[in-house]
Amino acid sequence: MSNQWKHFTKRIPIKASAKAIYDAWTTQQGLESWFLRLAQFTKADGTIKAKNIPIEKGDHYKWLWYGYDDNTAEEKEILFANGWDQLKFSFSGGCIVSISIKQENGENICQLTQEMPMENINEQQHFYIDCGNGWTFYLANLKSILEGGNDLRNKNVLLKEVVNA
């Protein structure tokens, strides 16, 4: 029997160019518009990248979310970025997140796959459920922002346990 908790995939059509979707994932400016309150990238030599410069393989990141204090930070590495429609980064708990942008039936699809390589099934389930819920919200917010809608994130650190933070 296969382990259903090892990975998940989330897909969303977005009425925006593939470049706009890719830039939203691969620049500090882009990520802070729909996902994070801070998305700082550093090159391998330790220099901080400008907000509008796309990520590259080997860059490291520090991410902070709205609705959480600075102690809730993610600091990991960019594993792959091809410059137009694919990227991969390490994430919480040893997870790996892959993003691909593809055209399907005249629509641009943003597809996210998260792999949970750890062997402990309880850890896999935790990341499958919690990250799956989080990515579902953030992909919907990405769509909203790129299609000219509202930013749906909770930006009030005093509000806890809400679906949009």
N, C-alpha and C. Protein backbone atom coordinates (compact mmCIF):
# COMPACT_ATOMS: atom_id res chain seq x y z
N MET A 1 0.85 -1.19 0.00
CA MET A 1 0.00 0.00 0.00
C MET A 1 0.89 1.25 0.00
N SER A 2 0.57 2.19 -0.85
CA SER A 2 1.38 3.40 -0.92
C SER A 2 1.03 4.34 0.24
N ASN A 3 1.98 5.18 0.57
CA ASN A 3 1.81 6.13 1.65
C ASN A 3 1.24 7.43 1.09
N GLN A 4 -0.03 7.69 1.38
CA GLN A 4 -0.71 8.87 0.85
C GLN A 4 -0.22 10.17 1.47
N TRP A 5 0.56 10.11 2.52
CA TRP A 5 1.00 11.30 3.22
C TRP A 5 2.35 11.82 2.73
N LYS A 6 2.98 11.17 1.78
CA LYS A 6 4.33 11.51 1.32
C LYS A 6 4.39 12.79 0.48
N HIS A 7 3.28 13.16 -0.17
CA HIS A 7 3.28 14.36 -1.00
C HIS A 7 1.85 14.78 -1.30
N PHE A 8 1.70 16.03 -1.69
CA PHE A 8 0.41 16.52 -2.20
C PHE A 8 0.69 17.52 -3.31
N THR A 9 -0.32 17.74 -4.13
CA THR A 9 -0.24 18.71 -5.22
C THR A 9 -1.47 19.60 -5.17
N LYS A 10 -1.25 20.90 -5.29
CA LYS A 10 -2.32 21.90 -5.37
C LYS A 10 -2.16 22.65 -6.69
N ARG A 11 -3.27 22.86 -7.39
CA ARG A 11 -3.24 23.55 -8.69
C ARG A 11 -4.30 24.64 -8.70
N ILE A 12 -3.94 25.76 -9.37
CA ILE A 12 -4.91 26.84 -9.50
C ILE A 12 -4.68 27.57 -10.83
N PRO A 13 -5.77 27.82 -11.58
CA PRO A 13 -5.63 28.63 -12.79
C PRO A 13 -5.55 30.10 -12.40
N ILE A 14 -4.68 30.84 -13.08
CA ILE A 14 -4.51 32.26 -12.79
C ILE A 14 -4.51 33.03 -14.10
N LYS A 15 -5.37 34.03 -14.18
CA LYS A 15 -5.44 34.87 -15.38
C LYS A 15 -4.35 35.94 -15.30
N ALA A 16 -3.13 35.48 -15.53
CA ALA A 16 -1.94 36.35 -15.56
C ALA A 16 -0.91 35.63 -16.42
N SER A 17 0.06 36.38 -16.88
CA SER A 17 1.11 35.77 -17.70
C SER A 17 1.96 34.82 -16.85
N ALA A 18 2.58 33.86 -17.51
CA ALA A 18 3.49 32.95 -16.82
C ALA A 18 4.61 33.74 -16.14
N LYS A 19 5.09 34.80 -16.78
CA LYS A 19 6.15 35.63 -16.19
C LYS A 19 5.67 36.30 -14.91
N ALA A 20 4.45 36.82 -14.91
CA ALA A 20 3.92 37.47 -13.70
C ALA A 20 3.81 36.47 -12.55
N ILE A 21 3.35 35.26 -12.87
CA ILE A 21 3.24 34.22 -11.85
C ILE A 21 4.62 33.84 -11.33
N TYR A 22 5.56 33.63 -12.24
CA TYR A 22 6.92 33.26 -11.86
C TYR A 22 7.56 34.35 -11.00
N ASP A 23 7.43 35.61 -11.42
CA ASP A 23 8.00 36.72 -10.65
C ASP A 23 7.37 36.82 -9.26
N ALA A 24 6.10 36.49 -9.14
CA ALA A 24 5.43 36.52 -7.83
C ALA A 24 6.03 35.50 -6.87
N TRP A 25 6.58 34.43 -7.41
CA TRP A 25 7.22 33.39 -6.60
C TRP A 25 8.71 33.63 -6.39
N THR A 26 9.36 34.38 -7.25
CA THR A 26 10.83 34.36 -7.28
C THR A 26 11.50 35.69 -6.95
N THR A 27 10.75 36.68 -6.51
CA THR A 27 11.36 37.94 -6.07
C THR A 27 10.80 38.30 -4.70
N GLN A 28 11.58 39.04 -3.95
CA GLN A 28 11.11 39.52 -2.65
C GLN A 28 9.85 40.36 -2.84
N GLN A 29 9.89 41.25 -3.81
CA GLN A 29 8.75 42.12 -4.10
C GLN A 29 7.51 41.29 -4.42
N GLY A 30 7.67 40.27 -5.23
CA GLY A 30 6.55 39.43 -5.60
C GLY A 30 5.98 38.66 -4.42
N LEU A 31 6.83 37.97 -3.67
CA LEU A 31 6.37 37.16 -2.54
C LEU A 31 5.70 38.00 -1.46
N GLU A 32 6.21 39.21 -1.25
CA GLU A 32 5.61 40.06 -0.21
C GLU A 32 4.27 40.65 -0.65
N SER A 33 3.93 40.55 -1.92
CA SER A 33 2.65 41.07 -2.39
C SER A 33 1.48 40.14 -2.08
N TRP A 34 1.75 38.84 -1.86
CA TRP A 34 0.64 37.89 -1.70
C TRP A 34 0.88 36.84 -0.62
N PHE A 35 2.13 36.66 -0.16
CA PHE A 35 2.46 35.52 0.69
C PHE A 35 3.07 35.93 2.02
N LEU A 36 4.11 36.72 2.02
CA LEU A 36 4.91 36.95 3.22
C LEU A 36 5.01 38.43 3.57
N ARG A 37 5.32 38.71 4.84
CA ARG A 37 5.62 40.10 5.20
C ARG A 37 7.09 40.41 5.00
N LEU A 38 7.94 39.38 4.99
CA LEU A 38 9.35 39.55 4.64
C LEU A 38 9.80 38.32 3.87
N ALA A 39 10.41 38.54 2.74
CA ALA A 39 10.98 37.46 1.92
C ALA A 39 12.37 37.90 1.49
N GLN A 40 13.31 37.75 2.39
CA GLN A 40 14.67 38.22 2.12
C GLN A 40 15.52 37.09 1.54
N PHE A 41 16.20 37.38 0.44
CA PHE A 41 17.06 36.40 -0.21
C PHE A 41 18.51 36.85 -0.14
N THR A 42 19.39 35.89 0.11
CA THR A 42 20.82 36.18 0.09
C THR A 42 21.51 35.24 -0.89
N LYS A 43 22.51 35.79 -1.55
CA LYS A 43 23.32 35.00 -2.48
C LYS A 43 24.24 34.08 -1.69
N ALA A 44 24.89 33.17 -2.38
CA ALA A 44 25.82 32.24 -1.74
C ALA A 44 26.95 32.97 -1.02
N ASP A 45 27.32 34.16 -1.51
CA ASP A 45 28.40 34.92 -0.86
C ASP A 45 27.91 35.75 0.32
N GLY A 46 26.60 35.65 0.65
CA GLY A 46 26.05 36.34 1.81
C GLY A 46 25.46 37.71 1.54
N THR A 47 25.59 38.23 0.32
CA THR A 47 25.01 39.54 0.03
C THR A 47 23.50 39.41 -0.18
N ILE A 48 22.79 40.41 0.31
CA ILE A 48 21.32 40.42 0.21
C ILE A 48 20.93 40.87 -1.19
N LYS A 49 20.00 40.15 -1.79
CA LYS A 49 19.52 40.49 -3.14
C LYS A 49 18.54 41.66 -3.08
N ALA A 50 18.53 42.45 -4.13
CA ALA A 50 17.54 43.53 -4.26
C ALA A 50 16.15 42.92 -4.37
N LYS A 51 15.15 43.70 -3.97
CA LYS A 51 13.77 43.20 -3.89
C LYS A 51 13.21 42.71 -5.22
N ASN A 52 13.71 43.22 -6.33
CA ASN A 52 13.14 42.87 -7.63
C ASN A 52 14.03 41.89 -8.42
N ILE A 53 15.08 41.38 -7.82
CA ILE A 53 15.99 40.45 -8.51
C ILE A 53 15.54 39.02 -8.25
N PRO A 54 15.33 38.24 -9.30
CA PRO A 54 14.84 36.86 -9.12
C PRO A 54 15.85 35.96 -8.40
N ILE A 55 15.31 34.97 -7.74
CA ILE A 55 16.13 33.98 -7.04
C ILE A 55 16.88 33.11 -8.02
N GLU A 56 17.93 32.48 -7.50
CA GLU A 56 18.72 31.52 -8.27
C GLU A 56 19.03 30.33 -7.37
N LYS A 57 19.34 29.22 -7.99
CA LYS A 57 19.75 28.04 -7.25
C LYS A 57 20.91 28.41 -6.32
N GLY A 58 20.83 27.95 -5.08
CA GLY A 58 21.86 28.23 -4.10
C GLY A 58 21.60 29.44 -3.24
N ASP A 59 20.65 30.30 -3.63
CA ASP A 59 20.27 31.41 -2.77
C ASP A 59 19.63 30.86 -1.50
N HIS A 60 19.74 31.62 -0.43
CA HIS A 60 19.07 31.27 0.82
C HIS A 60 17.99 32.31 1.10
N TYR A 61 16.99 31.89 1.86
CA TYR A 61 15.92 32.83 2.16
C TYR A 61 15.62 32.87 3.64
N LYS A 62 15.05 33.99 4.04
CA LYS A 62 14.44 34.17 5.36
C LYS A 62 13.04 34.69 5.11
N TRP A 63 12.05 33.93 5.58
CA TRP A 63 10.66 34.30 5.36
C TRP A 63 9.96 34.53 6.70
N LEU A 64 9.18 35.61 6.76
CA LEU A 64 8.33 35.92 7.91
C LEU A 64 6.91 36.13 7.41
N TRP A 65 5.93 35.65 8.19
CA TRP A 65 4.53 35.72 7.81
C TRP A 65 3.79 36.79 8.60
N TYR A 66 2.76 37.35 7.99
CA TYR A 66 1.80 38.17 8.72
C TYR A 66 1.05 37.26 9.69
N GLY A 67 0.64 37.83 10.82
CA GLY A 67 -0.11 37.06 11.80
C GLY A 67 0.79 36.28 12.75
N TYR A 68 2.09 36.35 12.55
CA TYR A 68 3.05 35.64 13.41
C TYR A 68 4.18 36.60 13.76
N ASP A 69 4.78 36.39 14.93
CA ASP A 69 5.90 37.24 15.32
C ASP A 69 7.18 36.78 14.63
N ASP A 70 8.26 37.49 14.89
CA ASP A 70 9.52 37.21 14.20
C ASP A 70 10.16 35.88 14.60
N ASN A 71 9.67 35.26 15.66
CA ASN A 71 10.19 33.95 16.06
C ASN A 71 9.72 32.84 15.13
N THR A 72 8.68 33.10 14.36
CA THR A 72 8.19 32.13 13.39
C THR A 72 8.79 32.49 12.04
N ALA A 73 9.99 32.00 11.82
CA ALA A 73 10.73 32.31 10.59
C ALA A 73 11.11 31.02 9.90
N GLU A 74 11.20 31.08 8.62
CA GLU A 74 11.66 29.95 7.80
C GLU A 74 12.95 30.40 7.13
N GLU A 75 14.02 29.66 7.32
CA GLU A 75 15.31 29.99 6.71
C GLU A 75 15.85 28.74 6.04
N LYS A 76 15.75 28.73 4.72
CA LYS A 76 16.14 27.54 3.94
C LYS A 76 16.81 27.97 2.64
N GLU A 77 16.82 27.05 1.66
CA GLU A 77 17.60 27.24 0.44
C GLU A 77 16.75 27.03 -0.82
N ILE A 78 17.09 27.77 -1.85
CA ILE A 78 16.51 27.58 -3.18
C ILE A 78 17.29 26.44 -3.85
N LEU A 79 16.58 25.40 -4.24
CA LEU A 79 17.21 24.21 -4.81
C LEU A 79 17.29 24.25 -6.33
N PHE A 80 16.35 24.98 -6.96
CA PHE A 80 16.30 25.04 -8.42
C PHE A 80 15.44 26.22 -8.83
N ALA A 81 15.85 26.92 -9.87
CA ALA A 81 15.04 27.99 -10.46
C ALA A 81 15.50 28.15 -11.90
N ASN A 82 14.59 27.91 -12.85
CA ASN A 82 15.01 27.93 -14.26
C ASN A 82 14.80 29.29 -14.94
N GLY A 83 14.23 30.26 -14.24
CA GLY A 83 14.10 31.60 -14.80
C GLY A 83 12.79 31.88 -15.51
N TRP A 84 11.93 30.87 -15.69
CA TRP A 84 10.66 31.16 -16.38
C TRP A 84 9.46 30.35 -15.92
N ASP A 85 9.60 29.07 -15.52
CA ASP A 85 8.37 28.35 -15.15
C ASP A 85 8.54 27.26 -14.10
N GLN A 86 9.71 27.12 -13.50
CA GLN A 86 9.90 26.09 -12.48
C GLN A 86 10.85 26.56 -11.39
N LEU A 87 10.53 26.19 -10.17
CA LEU A 87 11.44 26.42 -9.06
C LEU A 87 11.19 25.36 -7.99
N LYS A 88 12.18 25.21 -7.13
CA LYS A 88 12.09 24.22 -6.05
C LYS A 88 12.86 24.78 -4.87
N PHE A 89 12.28 24.61 -3.66
CA PHE A 89 12.96 25.10 -2.46
C PHE A 89 12.74 24.14 -1.30
N SER A 90 13.71 24.15 -0.38
CA SER A 90 13.53 23.38 0.85
C SER A 90 12.58 24.17 1.75
N PHE A 91 11.85 23.44 2.60
CA PHE A 91 10.82 24.06 3.42
C PHE A 91 10.77 23.37 4.78
N SER A 92 9.84 23.75 5.60
CA SER A 92 9.72 23.26 6.97
C SER A 92 9.90 21.75 7.09
N GLY A 93 10.58 21.34 8.15
CA GLY A 93 10.67 19.93 8.49
C GLY A 93 11.37 19.06 7.48
N GLY A 94 12.15 19.64 6.60
CA GLY A 94 12.81 18.86 5.56
C GLY A 94 11.96 18.65 4.32
N CYS A 95 10.82 19.30 4.25
CA CYS A 95 9.95 19.18 3.08
C CYS A 95 10.59 19.88 1.87
N ILE A 96 10.18 19.45 0.69
CA ILE A 96 10.63 20.05 -0.56
C ILE A 96 9.38 20.53 -1.31
N VAL A 97 9.39 21.79 -1.73
CA VAL A 97 8.27 22.37 -2.47
C VAL A 97 8.73 22.67 -3.89
N SER A 98 7.94 22.21 -4.86
CA SER A 98 8.21 22.46 -6.28
C SER A 98 7.05 23.26 -6.86
N ILE A 99 7.38 24.27 -7.64
CA ILE A 99 6.39 25.10 -8.32
C ILE A 99 6.61 24.95 -9.81
N SER A 100 5.52 24.73 -10.54
CA SER A 100 5.61 24.75 -12.00
C SER A 100 4.44 25.55 -12.55
N ILE A 101 4.71 26.25 -13.63
CA ILE A 101 3.69 27.06 -14.30
C ILE A 101 3.55 26.48 -15.69
N LYS A 102 2.33 26.12 -16.03
CA LYS A 102 2.10 25.50 -17.33
C LYS A 102 0.79 25.99 -17.91
N GLN A 103 0.68 25.88 -19.20
CA GLN A 103 -0.56 26.26 -19.86
C GLN A 103 -1.39 25.00 -20.09
N GLU A 104 -2.67 25.12 -19.79
CA GLU A 104 -3.58 23.99 -19.94
C GLU A 104 -4.94 24.53 -20.39
N ASN A 105 -5.39 24.09 -21.53
CA ASN A 105 -6.69 24.52 -22.07
C ASN A 105 -6.83 26.05 -22.09
N GLY A 106 -5.77 26.73 -22.51
CA GLY A 106 -5.81 28.18 -22.64
C GLY A 106 -5.63 28.94 -21.34
N GLU A 107 -5.35 28.26 -20.25
CA GLU A 107 -5.18 28.91 -18.94
C GLU A 107 -3.77 28.66 -18.42
N ASN A 108 -3.23 29.62 -17.69
CA ASN A 108 -1.98 29.39 -16.97
C ASN A 108 -2.31 28.76 -15.62
N ILE A 109 -1.68 27.64 -15.36
CA ILE A 109 -1.89 26.90 -14.12
C ILE A 109 -0.63 27.03 -13.28
N CYS A 110 -0.81 27.40 -12.03
CA CYS A 110 0.28 27.37 -11.06
C CYS A 110 0.09 26.09 -10.25
N GLN A 111 1.09 25.23 -10.32
CA GLN A 111 1.01 23.93 -9.63
C GLN A 111 2.10 23.85 -8.57
N LEU A 112 1.69 23.51 -7.35
CA LEU A 112 2.59 23.36 -6.23
C LEU A 112 2.56 21.91 -5.77
N THR A 113 3.72 21.31 -5.61
CA THR A 113 3.82 19.97 -5.05
C THR A 113 4.74 20.04 -3.84
N GLN A 114 4.28 19.48 -2.73
CA GLN A 114 5.13 19.42 -1.54
C GLN A 114 5.40 17.96 -1.21
N GLU A 115 6.67 17.65 -1.03
CA GLU A 115 7.09 16.30 -0.66
C GLU A 115 7.48 16.29 0.81
N MET A 116 7.04 15.25 1.53
CA MET A 116 7.39 15.07 2.93
C MET A 116 8.27 13.83 3.02
N PRO A 117 9.60 13.98 2.93
CA PRO A 117 10.50 12.82 2.85
C PRO A 117 10.76 12.12 4.18
N MET A 118 10.34 12.72 5.29
CA MET A 118 10.60 12.09 6.58
C MET A 118 9.88 10.75 6.68
N GLU A 119 10.39 9.85 7.50
CA GLU A 119 9.81 8.50 7.62
C GLU A 119 8.67 8.43 8.63
N ASN A 120 8.64 9.33 9.59
CA ASN A 120 7.62 9.31 10.64
C ASN A 120 6.28 9.72 10.06
N ILE A 121 5.32 8.80 10.08
CA ILE A 121 4.01 9.06 9.46
C ILE A 121 3.26 10.18 10.15
N ASN A 122 3.45 10.34 11.47
CA ASN A 122 2.79 11.44 12.18
C ASN A 122 3.31 12.79 11.71
N GLU A 123 4.61 12.89 11.46
CA GLU A 123 5.17 14.12 10.90
C GLU A 123 4.64 14.36 9.49
N GLN A 124 4.60 13.31 8.69
CA GLN A 124 4.07 13.43 7.33
C GLN A 124 2.64 13.95 7.35
N GLN A 125 1.82 13.37 8.22
CA GLN A 125 0.42 13.79 8.31
C GLN A 125 0.32 15.25 8.73
N HIS A 126 1.14 15.65 9.71
CA HIS A 126 1.13 17.05 10.17
C HIS A 126 1.41 18.01 9.01
N PHE A 127 2.50 17.75 8.27
CA PHE A 127 2.85 18.65 7.17
C PHE A 127 1.85 18.55 6.02
N TYR A 128 1.33 17.37 5.77
CA TYR A 128 0.35 17.17 4.70
C TYR A 128 -0.89 18.03 4.98
N ILE A 129 -1.39 17.96 6.19
CA ILE A 129 -2.63 18.67 6.54
C ILE A 129 -2.37 20.16 6.72
N ASP A 130 -1.43 20.52 7.59
CA ASP A 130 -1.21 21.93 7.89
C ASP A 130 -0.69 22.71 6.69
N CYS A 131 0.33 22.19 6.03
CA CYS A 131 0.87 22.89 4.86
C CYS A 131 -0.14 22.87 3.71
N GLY A 132 -0.85 21.76 3.56
CA GLY A 132 -1.87 21.69 2.50
C GLY A 132 -2.92 22.77 2.67
N ASN A 133 -3.38 22.96 3.91
CA ASN A 133 -4.35 24.03 4.18
C ASN A 133 -3.74 25.40 3.90
N GLY A 134 -2.52 25.62 4.38
CA GLY A 134 -1.86 26.91 4.17
C GLY A 134 -1.66 27.22 2.71
N TRP A 135 -1.14 26.25 1.95
CA TRP A 135 -0.89 26.50 0.53
C TRP A 135 -2.19 26.74 -0.23
N THR A 136 -3.26 26.08 0.17
CA THR A 136 -4.55 26.31 -0.50
C THR A 136 -4.95 27.78 -0.36
N PHE A 137 -4.84 28.31 0.87
CA PHE A 137 -5.17 29.72 1.07
C PHE A 137 -4.24 30.63 0.27
N TYR A 138 -2.93 30.39 0.39
CA TYR A 138 -1.99 31.31 -0.25
C TYR A 138 -2.07 31.26 -1.77
N LEU A 139 -2.35 30.11 -2.35
CA LEU A 139 -2.54 30.05 -3.80
C LEU A 139 -3.78 30.85 -4.21
N ALA A 140 -4.84 30.77 -3.40
CA ALA A 140 -6.03 31.58 -3.69
C ALA A 140 -5.70 33.07 -3.59
N ASN A 141 -4.86 33.44 -2.62
CA ASN A 141 -4.47 34.85 -2.49
C ASN A 141 -3.58 35.28 -3.65
N LEU A 142 -2.69 34.40 -4.10
CA LEU A 142 -1.88 34.70 -5.28
C LEU A 142 -2.78 35.01 -6.47
N LYS A 143 -3.78 34.17 -6.68
CA LYS A 143 -4.74 34.39 -7.77
C LYS A 143 -5.44 35.73 -7.59
N SER A 144 -5.91 36.02 -6.38
CA SER A 144 -6.61 37.27 -6.12
C SER A 144 -5.72 38.48 -6.44
N ILE A 145 -4.50 38.46 -5.96
CA ILE A 145 -3.59 39.60 -6.19
C ILE A 145 -3.28 39.76 -7.67
N LEU A 146 -2.92 38.67 -8.35
CA LEU A 146 -2.53 38.77 -9.76
C LEU A 146 -3.69 39.10 -10.68
N GLU A 147 -4.91 38.79 -10.25
CA GLU A 147 -6.08 39.12 -11.07
C GLU A 147 -6.71 40.45 -10.65
N GLY A 148 -6.01 41.22 -9.82
CA GLY A 148 -6.46 42.57 -9.47
C GLY A 148 -7.40 42.64 -8.29
N GLY A 149 -7.46 41.59 -7.49
CA GLY A 149 -8.37 41.56 -6.35
C GLY A 149 -7.72 42.01 -5.06
N ASN A 150 -8.40 41.72 -3.98
CA ASN A 150 -7.95 42.12 -2.65
C ASN A 150 -6.88 41.18 -2.11
N ASP A 151 -6.07 41.71 -1.21
CA ASP A 151 -5.12 40.92 -0.43
C ASP A 151 -5.91 40.33 0.74
N LEU A 152 -5.99 39.03 0.81
CA LEU A 152 -6.84 38.34 1.78
C LEU A 152 -6.13 37.99 3.08
N ARG A 153 -4.85 38.33 3.20
CA ARG A 153 -4.09 37.94 4.38
C ARG A 153 -4.52 38.71 5.63
N ASN A 154 -4.48 38.02 6.78
CA ASN A 154 -4.64 38.66 8.07
C ASN A 154 -3.30 39.32 8.42
N LYS A 155 -3.29 40.61 8.61
CA LYS A 155 -2.05 41.31 8.95
C LYS A 155 -2.04 41.78 10.40
N ASN A 156 -2.99 41.32 11.19
CA ASN A 156 -3.09 41.68 12.60
C ASN A 156 -2.48 40.57 13.45
N VAL A 157 -1.31 40.81 14.00
CA VAL A 157 -0.59 39.79 14.78
C VAL A 157 -1.38 39.38 16.04
N LEU A 158 -2.33 40.20 16.47
CA LEU A 158 -3.12 39.87 17.66
C LEU A 158 -4.22 38.86 17.38
N LEU A 159 -4.60 38.70 16.12
CA LEU A 159 -5.61 37.70 15.77
C LEU A 159 -4.92 36.35 15.57
N LYS A 160 -5.37 35.35 16.30
CA LYS A 160 -4.75 34.03 16.26
C LYS A 160 -5.72 33.00 15.69
N GLU A 161 -5.15 31.94 15.15
CA GLU A 161 -5.91 30.78 14.68
C GLU A 161 -7.00 31.16 13.68
N VAL A 162 -6.59 31.93 12.67
CA VAL A 162 -7.49 32.28 11.58
C VAL A 162 -6.95 31.65 10.30
N VAL A 163 -7.82 31.38 9.35
CA VAL A 163 -7.40 30.65 8.14
C VAL A 163 -6.52 31.47 7.21
N ASN A 164 -6.50 32.78 7.38
CA ASN A 164 -5.75 33.62 6.45
C ASN A 164 -4.45 34.17 7.05
N ALA A 165 -3.83 33.38 7.90
CA ALA A 165 -2.51 33.76 8.45
C ALA A 165 -1.69 32.51 8.68
